[in-house]
Amino acid sequence: MAWMQVIGECVICGIMFSFNVHHVPSVVVDGVREPVCRDCMNRANAILESQGREPHWIHPEAYEPDEVP
């Protein structure tokens, strides 16, 4: 069994971070799915909660390596 870690730039803050490409939260920019880092997701969810809205669900494996068969 092997693990694959993807590293990319957060579309919101620009920081480089590692993530699971299948589970990371993302936004679509010009038709391309772009990843969002954990800190930006936490900030967005705090804003949503302060407005009485439901936070975005973050998959438990979003920022973990991906298992490769």
C-alpha atoms as a PDB file:
ATOM      1  CA  MET A   1       0.000   0.000   0.000  1.00  0.00           C
ATOM      2  CA  ALA A   2       1.280   3.472  -0.852  1.00  0.00           C
ATOM      3  CA  TRP A   3       0.236   6.991   0.023  1.00  0.00           C
ATOM      4  CA  MET A   4       0.165  10.046  -2.206  1.00  0.00           C
ATOM      5  CA  GLN A   5       0.353  13.564  -0.806  1.00  0.00           C
ATOM      6  CA  VAL A   6      -0.616  16.442  -3.086  1.00  0.00           C
ATOM      7  CA  ILE A   7       0.775  19.903  -2.458  1.00  0.00           C
ATOM      8  CA  GLY A   8      -0.853  23.000  -3.861  1.00  0.00           C
ATOM      9  CA  GLU A   9      -1.644  26.647  -3.264  1.00  0.00           C
ATOM     10  CA  CYS A  10      -4.761  27.766  -1.407  1.00  0.00           C
ATOM     11  CA  VAL A  11      -6.954  29.734  -3.793  1.00  0.00           C
ATOM     12  CA  ILE A  12      -7.926  32.126  -0.974  1.00  0.00           C
ATOM     13  CA  CYS A  13      -4.701  32.978   0.914  1.00  0.00           C
ATOM     14  CA  GLY A  14      -1.975  31.623  -1.387  1.00  0.00           C
ATOM     15  CA  ILE A  15      -0.245  29.436   1.220  1.00  0.00           C
ATOM     16  CA  MET A  16       1.195  26.101   0.038  1.00  0.00           C
ATOM     17  CA  PHE A  17      -0.382  23.125   1.818  1.00  0.00           C
ATOM     18  CA  SER A  18      -0.837  19.383   1.429  1.00  0.00           C
ATOM     19  CA  PHE A  19      -4.210  17.764   0.869  1.00  0.00           C
ATOM     20  CA  ASN A  20      -6.156  14.776  -0.404  1.00  0.00           C
ATOM     21  CA  VAL A  21      -7.249  15.720  -3.905  1.00  0.00           C
ATOM     22  CA  HIS A  22     -10.465  13.676  -3.588  1.00  0.00           C
ATOM     23  CA  HIS A  23     -11.674  15.296  -0.357  1.00  0.00           C
ATOM     24  CA  VAL A  24     -10.211  18.794  -0.027  1.00  0.00           C
ATOM     25  CA  PRO A  25     -12.750  21.645   0.004  1.00  0.00           C
ATOM     26  CA  SER A  26     -12.503  23.674  -3.172  1.00  0.00           C
ATOM     27  CA  VAL A  27     -13.997  26.433  -5.258  1.00  0.00           C
ATOM     28  CA  VAL A  28     -14.278  26.572  -9.030  1.00  0.00           C
ATOM     29  CA  VAL A  29     -12.379  29.415 -10.684  1.00  0.00           C
ATOM     30  CA  ASP A  30     -12.630  29.763 -14.466  1.00  0.00           C
ATOM     31  CA  GLY A  31     -13.861  26.174 -14.675  1.00  0.00           C
ATOM     32  CA  VAL A  32     -10.985  24.763 -12.612  1.00  0.00           C
ATOM     33  CA  ARG A  33     -11.436  23.241  -9.148  1.00  0.00           C
ATOM     34  CA  GLU A  34      -9.019  25.047  -6.777  1.00  0.00           C
ATOM     35  CA  PRO A  35      -8.189  23.822  -3.228  1.00  0.00           C
ATOM     36  CA  VAL A  36      -8.917  25.751  -0.017  1.00  0.00           C
ATOM     37  CA  CYS A  37      -6.630  25.321   3.042  1.00  0.00           C
ATOM     38  CA  ARG A  38      -7.850  24.346   6.509  1.00  0.00           C
ATOM     39  CA  ASP A  39      -7.286  27.823   7.997  1.00  0.00           C
ATOM     40  CA  CYS A  40      -9.364  29.514   5.278  1.00  0.00           C
ATOM     41  CA  MET A  41     -12.119  26.929   5.690  1.00  0.00           C
ATOM     42  CA  ASN A  42     -12.110  27.493   9.457  1.00  0.00           C
ATOM     43  CA  ARG A  43     -12.382  31.267   8.938  1.00  0.00           C
ATOM     44  CA  ALA A  44     -15.204  30.846   6.411  1.00  0.00           C
ATOM     45  CA  ASN A  45     -17.055  28.483   8.738  1.00  0.00           C
ATOM     46  CA  ALA A  46     -16.688  30.891  11.673  1.00  0.00           C
ATOM     47  CA  ILE A  47     -18.243  33.646   9.550  1.00  0.00           C
ATOM     48  CA  LEU A  48     -21.100  31.376   8.467  1.00  0.00           C
ATOM     49  CA  GLU A  49     -21.783  30.313  12.059  1.00  0.00           C
ATOM     50  CA  SER A  50     -21.737  33.952  13.246  1.00  0.00           C
ATOM     51  CA  GLN A  51     -24.465  34.622  10.664  1.00  0.00           C
ATOM     52  CA  GLY A  52     -26.522  31.681  11.949  1.00  0.00           C
ATOM     53  CA  ARG A  53     -25.775  29.620   8.844  1.00  0.00           C
ATOM     54  CA  GLU A  54     -24.580  26.039   8.559  1.00  0.00           C
ATOM     55  CA  PRO A  55     -20.786  25.661   8.223  1.00  0.00           C
ATOM     56  CA  HIS A  56     -19.334  23.778   5.275  1.00  0.00           C
ATOM     57  CA  TRP A  57     -18.616  20.150   6.121  1.00  0.00           C
ATOM     58  CA  ILE A  58     -14.916  19.238   5.887  1.00  0.00           C
ATOM     59  CA  HIS A  59     -14.155  15.610   5.101  1.00  0.00           C
ATOM     60  CA  PRO A  60     -11.970  14.012   7.830  1.00  0.00           C
ATOM     61  CA  GLU A  61      -9.402  13.014   5.184  1.00  0.00           C
ATOM     62  CA  ALA A  62      -9.339  16.386   3.396  1.00  0.00           C
ATOM     63  CA  TYR A  63      -5.857  17.279   4.591  1.00  0.00           C
ATOM     64  CA  GLU A  64      -4.454  13.727   4.822  1.00  0.00           C
ATOM     65  CA  PRO A  65      -2.500  11.654   2.285  1.00  0.00           C
ATOM     66  CA  ASP A  66      -4.486   9.639  -0.267  1.00  0.00           C
ATOM     67  CA  GLU A  67      -4.136   5.849  -0.310  1.00  0.00           C
ATOM     68  CA  VAL A  68      -2.936   4.561  -3.675  1.00  0.00           C
ATOM     69  CA  PRO A  69      -3.649   0.914  -4.579  1.00  0.00           C
END
